[in-house]
Amino acid sequence: MPTYEYECPDCSFRFELRRSFSENNPVSCPQCGCDAQLVFSPVPIIFKGSGFYSTDHRGNHGHSEPADTAEKAEKASKDKTKTDSTEKARTGNTDKKD
């Protein structure tokens, strides 16, 4: 059976009461006998997993980079190597010391 929190509107006394889901009869305050009102409270939420904390906001969120990004980086590296070798061949600079 769940525990509910009630508050008396007249004397502001708060108390807890265990009741079943099916009980619909009014609850009276144990101090003054007036009808008490159910108090609603926020439910605690626990976030688990990656992406919920400020330390998780890095570039790739702890995941490896996608295959297409890796392929693009590899292609860019090859293009730079080709450009460098073409430039050296055109200028005659081979960076070899005799």
Protein backbone atom coordinates (compact mmCIF):
# COMPACT_ATOMS: atom_id res chain seq x y z
CA MET A 1 0.00 0.00 0.00
CA PRO A 2 1.33 3.44 -0.87
CA THR A 3 1.94 6.18 1.68
CA TYR A 4 0.29 9.54 1.02
CA GLU A 5 1.03 12.91 2.61
CA TYR A 6 -1.89 15.05 3.76
CA GLU A 7 -2.18 18.59 5.11
CA CYS A 8 -4.99 20.13 7.12
CA PRO A 9 -6.12 23.47 5.63
CA ASP A 10 -7.24 24.76 9.08
CA CYS A 11 -4.32 23.92 11.40
CA SER A 12 -1.62 23.30 8.72
CA PHE A 13 -0.73 19.94 10.31
CA ARG A 14 1.00 17.55 7.90
CA PHE A 15 0.83 13.79 8.29
CA GLU A 16 1.32 10.60 6.31
CA LEU A 17 -1.27 7.89 5.85
CA ARG A 18 -1.03 4.47 4.22
CA ARG A 19 -4.05 3.83 2.03
CA SER A 20 -4.88 1.48 -0.81
CA PHE A 21 -5.49 2.78 -4.31
CA SER A 22 -9.18 1.94 -4.13
CA GLU A 23 -10.01 3.97 -0.96
CA ASN A 24 -12.02 7.06 -1.84
CA ASN A 25 -13.41 8.15 1.55
CA PRO A 26 -12.23 11.56 2.89
CA VAL A 27 -9.34 11.77 5.34
CA SER A 28 -9.74 13.81 8.51
CA CYS A 29 -6.95 15.59 10.39
CA PRO A 30 -5.87 13.68 13.55
CA GLN A 31 -5.47 16.97 15.50
CA CYS A 32 -8.56 19.03 14.68
CA GLY A 33 -10.80 16.60 12.77
CA CYS A 34 -11.22 18.76 9.62
CA ASP A 35 -11.01 17.26 6.15
CA ALA A 36 -7.36 17.06 5.08
CA GLN A 37 -6.09 17.64 1.54
CA LEU A 38 -3.67 15.44 -0.34
CA VAL A 39 -0.24 17.04 -0.85
CA PHE A 40 1.38 16.47 -4.23
CA SER A 41 5.17 16.29 -4.31
CA PRO A 42 7.54 16.09 -7.26
CA VAL A 43 8.92 12.66 -8.00
CA PRO A 44 12.72 12.36 -7.94
CA ILE A 45 14.24 11.62 -11.33
CA ILE A 46 17.59 9.92 -11.80
CA PHE A 47 19.28 10.30 -15.15
CA LYS A 48 21.64 7.46 -16.01
CA GLY A 49 23.83 6.97 -19.01
CA SER A 50 25.97 9.25 -21.13
CA GLY A 51 24.90 12.70 -22.22
CA PHE A 52 23.20 13.88 -19.02
CA TYR A 53 26.13 15.52 -17.24
CA SER A 54 28.22 18.58 -18.12
CA THR A 55 31.32 16.39 -18.39
CA ASP A 56 29.64 14.35 -21.12
CA HIS A 57 29.41 17.27 -23.55
CA ARG A 58 32.59 16.64 -25.45
CA GLY A 59 32.95 16.62 -29.20
CA ASN A 60 32.09 13.01 -29.85
CA HIS A 61 30.33 12.15 -26.55
CA GLY A 62 32.71 9.27 -25.91
CA HIS A 63 31.84 7.49 -29.15
CA SER A 64 34.27 6.69 -31.92
CA GLU A 65 34.00 8.89 -34.95
CA PRO A 66 31.77 7.70 -37.80
CA ALA A 67 33.35 5.82 -40.67
CA ASP A 68 32.66 8.57 -43.21
CA THR A 69 34.47 11.15 -41.05
CA ALA A 70 37.48 8.85 -40.71
CA GLU A 71 37.46 8.29 -44.46
CA LYS A 72 37.30 12.05 -45.11
CA ALA A 73 40.27 12.65 -42.79
CA GLU A 74 42.27 9.89 -44.52
CA LYS A 75 41.45 11.29 -47.96
CA ALA A 76 42.44 14.82 -46.88
CA SER A 77 45.75 13.46 -45.60
CA LYS A 78 46.41 11.69 -48.93
CA ASP A 79 45.45 14.83 -50.88
CA LYS A 80 47.91 16.91 -48.85
CA THR A 81 50.67 14.35 -49.45
CA LYS A 82 49.97 14.42 -53.19
CA THR A 83 49.99 18.22 -53.22
CA ASP A 84 53.27 18.37 -51.30
CA SER A 85 54.98 15.85 -53.60
CA THR A 86 53.67 17.67 -56.71
CA GLU A 87 54.98 20.98 -55.37
CA LYS A 88 58.41 19.45 -54.64
CA ALA A 89 58.62 17.92 -58.12
CA ARG A 90 57.69 21.20 -59.78
CA THR A 91 60.20 23.28 -57.81
CA GLY A 92 62.91 20.62 -57.89
CA ASN A 93 63.13 20.62 -54.08
CA THR A 94 63.37 17.08 -52.79
CA ASP A 95 64.66 17.96 -49.29
CA LYS A 96 67.57 15.51 -49.74
CA LYS A 97 70.92 16.63 -48.45
CA ASP A 98 73.90 15.62 -50.53
